N, C-alpha and C. Protein backbone atom coordinates (compact mmCIF):
# COMPACT_ATOMS: atom_id res chain seq x y z
N MET A 1 -40.77 -16.62 7.24
CA MET A 1 -39.59 -16.81 8.07
C MET A 1 -40.06 -17.19 9.46
N THR A 2 -39.46 -18.21 9.99
CA THR A 2 -39.83 -18.64 11.33
C THR A 2 -39.24 -17.70 12.36
N LYS A 3 -39.79 -17.76 13.57
CA LYS A 3 -39.30 -16.90 14.65
C LYS A 3 -37.83 -17.20 14.95
N LYS A 4 -37.46 -18.47 14.89
CA LYS A 4 -36.08 -18.88 15.16
C LYS A 4 -35.13 -18.28 14.11
N MET A 5 -35.53 -18.29 12.85
CA MET A 5 -34.71 -17.71 11.78
C MET A 5 -34.59 -16.20 11.97
N GLY A 6 -35.66 -15.57 12.42
CA GLY A 6 -35.65 -14.13 12.65
C GLY A 6 -34.64 -13.72 13.71
N ILE A 7 -34.38 -14.59 14.65
CA ILE A 7 -33.40 -14.32 15.71
C ILE A 7 -31.99 -14.66 15.23
N LEU A 8 -31.85 -15.78 14.52
CA LEU A 8 -30.53 -16.24 14.10
C LEU A 8 -29.93 -15.42 12.96
N LEU A 9 -30.75 -14.91 12.08
CA LEU A 9 -30.24 -14.17 10.93
C LEU A 9 -29.44 -12.93 11.35
N PRO A 10 -29.94 -12.07 12.24
CA PRO A 10 -29.11 -10.93 12.66
C PRO A 10 -27.84 -11.36 13.38
N LEU A 11 -27.93 -12.44 14.15
CA LEU A 11 -26.75 -12.95 14.85
C LEU A 11 -25.72 -13.44 13.84
N PHE A 12 -26.16 -14.16 12.82
CA PHE A 12 -25.27 -14.63 11.76
C PHE A 12 -24.59 -13.45 11.06
N PHE A 13 -25.35 -12.41 10.76
CA PHE A 13 -24.80 -11.22 10.12
C PHE A 13 -23.73 -10.56 10.98
N CYS A 14 -23.98 -10.40 12.27
CA CYS A 14 -23.02 -9.77 13.18
C CYS A 14 -21.74 -10.58 13.29
N VAL A 15 -21.86 -11.87 13.36
CA VAL A 15 -20.68 -12.73 13.46
C VAL A 15 -19.86 -12.63 12.18
N ASN A 16 -20.50 -12.67 11.03
CA ASN A 16 -19.77 -12.59 9.76
C ASN A 16 -19.11 -11.24 9.57
N VAL A 17 -19.75 -10.16 9.94
CA VAL A 17 -19.15 -8.83 9.81
C VAL A 17 -17.93 -8.74 10.72
N GLY A 18 -18.00 -9.33 11.89
CA GLY A 18 -16.88 -9.31 12.82
C GLY A 18 -15.65 -10.01 12.27
N PHE A 19 -15.83 -10.96 11.39
CA PHE A 19 -14.72 -11.71 10.82
C PHE A 19 -14.39 -11.28 9.41
N ALA A 20 -15.02 -10.23 8.92
CA ALA A 20 -14.86 -9.81 7.54
C ALA A 20 -13.41 -9.50 7.17
N GLU A 21 -12.63 -8.93 8.09
CA GLU A 21 -11.27 -8.58 7.75
C GLU A 21 -10.38 -9.80 7.54
N ASP A 22 -10.83 -10.97 7.95
CA ASP A 22 -10.05 -12.18 7.78
C ASP A 22 -10.22 -12.79 6.39
N PHE A 23 -11.05 -12.20 5.55
CA PHE A 23 -11.27 -12.75 4.22
C PHE A 23 -10.07 -12.53 3.30
N ILE A 24 -9.23 -11.55 3.60
CA ILE A 24 -8.01 -11.34 2.82
C ILE A 24 -6.84 -11.32 3.79
N SER A 25 -5.70 -11.69 3.28
CA SER A 25 -4.49 -11.70 4.12
C SER A 25 -3.94 -10.29 4.26
N GLU A 26 -3.03 -10.11 5.20
CA GLU A 26 -2.38 -8.81 5.36
C GLU A 26 -1.60 -8.45 4.10
N PHE A 27 -1.00 -9.46 3.46
CA PHE A 27 -0.30 -9.24 2.19
C PHE A 27 -1.25 -8.69 1.13
N GLU A 28 -2.42 -9.32 0.98
CA GLU A 28 -3.39 -8.88 -0.02
C GLU A 28 -3.92 -7.48 0.30
N TYR A 29 -4.14 -7.22 1.58
CA TYR A 29 -4.59 -5.89 2.00
C TYR A 29 -3.51 -4.86 1.67
N GLY A 30 -2.26 -5.17 1.98
CA GLY A 30 -1.15 -4.29 1.67
C GLY A 30 -1.00 -4.06 0.18
N GLN A 31 -1.21 -5.11 -0.60
CA GLN A 31 -1.12 -4.99 -2.06
C GLN A 31 -2.20 -4.04 -2.58
N MET A 32 -3.41 -4.17 -2.07
CA MET A 32 -4.49 -3.27 -2.50
C MET A 32 -4.17 -1.83 -2.13
N LEU A 33 -3.64 -1.62 -0.93
CA LEU A 33 -3.29 -0.27 -0.50
C LEU A 33 -2.14 0.28 -1.34
N TYR A 34 -1.14 -0.55 -1.59
CA TYR A 34 0.02 -0.12 -2.39
C TYR A 34 -0.42 0.30 -3.78
N GLN A 35 -1.37 -0.41 -4.33
CA GLN A 35 -1.84 -0.12 -5.68
C GLN A 35 -2.81 1.05 -5.73
N ASN A 36 -3.45 1.38 -4.59
CA ASN A 36 -4.43 2.47 -4.63
C ASN A 36 -4.75 3.03 -3.25
N PRO A 37 -3.77 3.57 -2.51
CA PRO A 37 -4.12 4.16 -1.21
C PRO A 37 -4.75 5.53 -1.40
N ARG A 38 -5.94 5.68 -0.91
CA ARG A 38 -6.64 6.97 -0.96
C ARG A 38 -6.73 7.54 -2.37
N GLY A 39 -6.82 6.66 -3.36
CA GLY A 39 -7.01 7.09 -4.73
C GLY A 39 -5.75 7.45 -5.49
N VAL A 40 -4.58 7.40 -4.86
CA VAL A 40 -3.33 7.72 -5.54
C VAL A 40 -2.40 6.52 -5.36
N SER A 41 -2.03 5.87 -6.42
CA SER A 41 -1.23 4.65 -6.36
C SER A 41 0.24 4.91 -6.06
N CYS A 42 0.88 3.98 -5.37
CA CYS A 42 2.33 4.01 -5.12
C CYS A 42 3.08 3.57 -6.39
N VAL A 43 2.41 2.80 -7.23
CA VAL A 43 3.03 2.16 -8.39
C VAL A 43 3.67 3.15 -9.38
N PRO A 44 3.02 4.26 -9.76
CA PRO A 44 3.66 5.13 -10.75
C PRO A 44 5.03 5.67 -10.33
N CYS A 45 5.25 5.82 -9.03
CA CYS A 45 6.53 6.37 -8.55
C CYS A 45 7.50 5.30 -8.07
N HIS A 46 6.98 4.24 -7.46
CA HIS A 46 7.84 3.22 -6.87
C HIS A 46 7.84 1.90 -7.63
N GLY A 47 7.08 1.82 -8.71
CA GLY A 47 7.02 0.59 -9.50
C GLY A 47 6.13 -0.45 -8.86
N ASP A 48 5.77 -1.46 -9.61
CA ASP A 48 4.83 -2.46 -9.12
C ASP A 48 5.42 -3.36 -8.05
N ARG A 49 6.73 -3.36 -7.91
CA ARG A 49 7.39 -4.18 -6.88
C ARG A 49 8.24 -3.35 -5.93
N GLY A 50 8.13 -2.03 -6.00
CA GLY A 50 8.92 -1.17 -5.12
C GLY A 50 10.28 -0.82 -5.68
N GLN A 51 10.56 -1.16 -6.94
CA GLN A 51 11.88 -0.99 -7.54
C GLN A 51 12.19 0.44 -7.96
N GLY A 52 11.24 1.34 -7.85
CA GLY A 52 11.44 2.72 -8.30
C GLY A 52 11.01 2.85 -9.74
N ALA A 53 10.56 4.03 -10.11
CA ALA A 53 10.07 4.24 -11.48
C ALA A 53 10.25 5.71 -11.86
N GLU A 54 10.30 5.93 -13.15
CA GLU A 54 10.38 7.30 -13.67
C GLU A 54 9.01 7.97 -13.48
N ILE A 55 9.05 9.14 -12.86
CA ILE A 55 7.81 9.89 -12.63
C ILE A 55 7.59 10.89 -13.76
N ALA A 56 8.65 11.62 -14.09
CA ALA A 56 8.54 12.65 -15.13
C ALA A 56 9.90 12.91 -15.75
N ARG A 57 9.85 13.45 -16.94
CA ARG A 57 11.06 13.82 -17.68
C ARG A 57 10.77 15.21 -18.25
N TYR A 58 11.70 16.14 -18.02
CA TYR A 58 11.49 17.50 -18.52
C TYR A 58 12.84 18.18 -18.76
N ARG A 59 12.80 19.34 -19.36
CA ARG A 59 14.02 20.14 -19.59
C ARG A 59 14.00 21.33 -18.64
N ASP A 60 15.14 21.56 -18.00
CA ASP A 60 15.23 22.70 -17.08
C ASP A 60 15.44 24.00 -17.87
N ALA A 61 15.64 25.10 -17.16
CA ALA A 61 15.79 26.42 -17.80
C ALA A 61 16.99 26.48 -18.74
N ARG A 62 17.99 25.64 -18.52
CA ARG A 62 19.18 25.62 -19.39
C ARG A 62 19.07 24.59 -20.51
N GLY A 63 17.91 23.93 -20.59
CA GLY A 63 17.70 22.95 -21.66
C GLY A 63 18.20 21.56 -21.33
N ARG A 64 18.70 21.34 -20.11
CA ARG A 64 19.17 20.01 -19.74
C ARG A 64 17.99 19.12 -19.37
N GLU A 65 18.08 17.88 -19.80
CA GLU A 65 17.02 16.93 -19.46
C GLU A 65 17.14 16.54 -17.98
N VAL A 66 16.02 16.57 -17.30
CA VAL A 66 15.96 16.17 -15.90
C VAL A 66 14.96 15.01 -15.81
N ILE A 67 15.37 13.98 -15.11
CA ILE A 67 14.49 12.82 -14.91
C ILE A 67 14.18 12.73 -13.42
N LEU A 68 12.91 12.81 -13.10
CA LEU A 68 12.45 12.69 -11.72
C LEU A 68 12.03 11.24 -11.51
N ARG A 69 12.69 10.57 -10.57
CA ARG A 69 12.41 9.16 -10.29
C ARG A 69 11.97 8.96 -8.87
N GLY A 70 11.04 8.04 -8.69
CA GLY A 70 10.67 7.59 -7.36
C GLY A 70 11.72 6.61 -6.89
N PRO A 71 12.08 6.64 -5.63
CA PRO A 71 13.16 5.75 -5.17
C PRO A 71 12.76 4.29 -5.08
N ASP A 72 13.77 3.44 -5.17
CA ASP A 72 13.62 2.02 -4.93
C ASP A 72 13.39 1.86 -3.42
N ILE A 73 12.28 1.29 -3.03
CA ILE A 73 11.97 1.17 -1.59
C ILE A 73 12.05 -0.27 -1.09
N ARG A 74 12.52 -1.17 -1.95
CA ARG A 74 12.57 -2.59 -1.57
C ARG A 74 13.49 -2.85 -0.39
N HIS A 75 14.53 -2.04 -0.22
CA HIS A 75 15.47 -2.28 0.87
C HIS A 75 15.35 -1.23 1.97
N SER A 76 14.29 -0.43 1.90
CA SER A 76 14.04 0.55 2.96
C SER A 76 13.61 -0.17 4.23
N THR A 77 13.98 0.39 5.35
CA THR A 77 13.54 -0.21 6.61
C THR A 77 12.07 0.12 6.82
N ALA A 78 11.44 -0.65 7.69
CA ALA A 78 10.04 -0.37 8.02
C ALA A 78 9.91 1.05 8.55
N ARG A 79 10.87 1.47 9.35
CA ARG A 79 10.83 2.83 9.91
C ARG A 79 10.90 3.90 8.81
N GLN A 80 11.75 3.69 7.82
CA GLN A 80 11.86 4.64 6.71
C GLN A 80 10.55 4.73 5.94
N ILE A 81 9.91 3.59 5.72
CA ILE A 81 8.64 3.57 5.00
C ILE A 81 7.56 4.29 5.81
N VAL A 82 7.52 4.01 7.10
CA VAL A 82 6.54 4.66 7.97
C VAL A 82 6.74 6.18 7.96
N GLU A 83 7.99 6.62 8.11
CA GLU A 83 8.27 8.06 8.12
C GLU A 83 7.89 8.70 6.79
N ALA A 84 8.19 8.03 5.67
CA ALA A 84 7.85 8.58 4.36
C ALA A 84 6.33 8.70 4.20
N LEU A 85 5.60 7.69 4.66
CA LEU A 85 4.15 7.73 4.53
C LEU A 85 3.52 8.77 5.45
N ARG A 86 4.15 9.02 6.58
CA ARG A 86 3.60 10.01 7.52
C ARG A 86 3.96 11.45 7.14
N LYS A 87 5.19 11.66 6.66
CA LYS A 87 5.67 13.02 6.42
C LYS A 87 5.66 13.42 4.95
N GLY A 88 5.66 12.44 4.06
CA GLY A 88 5.65 12.75 2.64
C GLY A 88 6.83 13.58 2.19
N PRO A 89 8.08 13.06 2.25
CA PRO A 89 9.25 13.86 1.88
C PRO A 89 9.26 14.21 0.39
N GLY A 90 9.87 15.33 0.05
CA GLY A 90 10.01 15.73 -1.35
C GLY A 90 8.65 15.86 -2.03
N VAL A 91 8.50 15.19 -3.15
CA VAL A 91 7.25 15.26 -3.90
C VAL A 91 6.25 14.18 -3.48
N MET A 92 6.65 13.37 -2.50
CA MET A 92 5.76 12.30 -2.03
C MET A 92 4.54 12.89 -1.33
N PRO A 93 3.35 12.50 -1.78
CA PRO A 93 2.14 13.00 -1.11
C PRO A 93 1.93 12.31 0.24
N ARG A 94 1.20 12.97 1.11
CA ARG A 94 0.80 12.34 2.37
C ARG A 94 -0.52 11.64 2.16
N TYR A 95 -0.62 10.43 2.67
CA TYR A 95 -1.83 9.63 2.46
C TYR A 95 -2.71 9.54 3.70
N PHE A 96 -2.22 9.91 4.86
CA PHE A 96 -2.98 9.84 6.10
C PHE A 96 -3.50 8.42 6.35
N LEU A 97 -2.59 7.47 6.26
CA LEU A 97 -2.92 6.07 6.47
C LEU A 97 -2.90 5.73 7.95
N THR A 98 -3.68 4.74 8.33
CA THR A 98 -3.68 4.27 9.72
C THR A 98 -2.44 3.40 9.95
N ASP A 99 -2.13 3.14 11.21
CA ASP A 99 -1.00 2.25 11.53
C ASP A 99 -1.19 0.88 10.90
N LYS A 100 -2.42 0.38 10.92
CA LYS A 100 -2.71 -0.94 10.36
C LYS A 100 -2.48 -0.94 8.84
N GLU A 101 -2.87 0.13 8.18
CA GLU A 101 -2.68 0.23 6.73
C GLU A 101 -1.19 0.31 6.40
N ILE A 102 -0.46 1.09 7.16
CA ILE A 102 0.99 1.20 6.93
C ILE A 102 1.66 -0.15 7.13
N GLN A 103 1.29 -0.86 8.20
CA GLN A 103 1.88 -2.17 8.46
C GLN A 103 1.57 -3.14 7.32
N ALA A 104 0.38 -3.07 6.77
CA ALA A 104 0.03 -3.94 5.64
C ALA A 104 0.88 -3.63 4.41
N ILE A 105 1.14 -2.35 4.16
CA ILE A 105 1.99 -1.97 3.02
C ILE A 105 3.41 -2.46 3.24
N VAL A 106 3.93 -2.31 4.45
CA VAL A 106 5.28 -2.80 4.77
C VAL A 106 5.33 -4.32 4.58
N THR A 107 4.30 -5.02 5.05
CA THR A 107 4.24 -6.47 4.87
C THR A 107 4.25 -6.84 3.40
N TYR A 108 3.50 -6.12 2.60
CA TYR A 108 3.46 -6.38 1.16
C TYR A 108 4.83 -6.17 0.52
N ILE A 109 5.47 -5.05 0.82
CA ILE A 109 6.79 -4.76 0.24
C ILE A 109 7.80 -5.83 0.66
N ARG A 110 7.78 -6.21 1.92
CA ARG A 110 8.72 -7.23 2.42
C ARG A 110 8.49 -8.58 1.74
N GLU A 111 7.23 -8.95 1.57
CA GLU A 111 6.92 -10.24 0.94
C GLU A 111 7.34 -10.24 -0.53
N VAL A 112 7.10 -9.15 -1.23
CA VAL A 112 7.52 -9.05 -2.63
C VAL A 112 9.04 -9.16 -2.71
N GLN A 113 9.73 -8.48 -1.80
CA GLN A 113 11.19 -8.54 -1.76
C GLN A 113 11.65 -9.97 -1.49
N SER A 114 11.02 -10.64 -0.56
CA SER A 114 11.38 -12.01 -0.22
C SER A 114 11.16 -12.96 -1.39
N ARG A 115 10.05 -12.79 -2.09
CA ARG A 115 9.75 -13.65 -3.24
C ARG A 115 10.77 -13.43 -4.36
N GLU A 116 11.18 -12.21 -4.57
CA GLU A 116 12.18 -11.91 -5.61
C GLU A 116 13.53 -12.51 -5.25
N ALA A 117 13.88 -12.49 -3.96
CA ALA A 117 15.16 -13.03 -3.51
C ALA A 117 15.21 -14.54 -3.71
N GLU A 118 14.06 -15.20 -3.67
CA GLU A 118 13.99 -16.65 -3.84
C GLU A 118 14.17 -17.08 -5.28
N ARG A 119 13.99 -16.16 -6.22
CA ARG A 119 14.09 -16.51 -7.65
C ARG A 119 15.50 -16.73 -8.08
């Protein structure tokens, strides 16, 4: 390796690492987080597009069937989504996501909603 390459290689590495987050869009980042934030996916409760999904089905003490469903979040406001992710209402777990991660999830949900409306 020449002396010039020895100097340029670390510089090239630093520049590329600095731009690494630009390799995926905010939508793609939000999609990845939605599918697996902190090891627990949003999909089993909210569906692959935010439409809501059945979480569990069981019988209560009186023998009545109870269906626990995750809500449809496609029409939730950004504020409602942020509050849910921060406070974890009901059976919703808290994920301790950063503001940037939450914004990416909101962007993903909005884009999915927009694409469905165009169909």
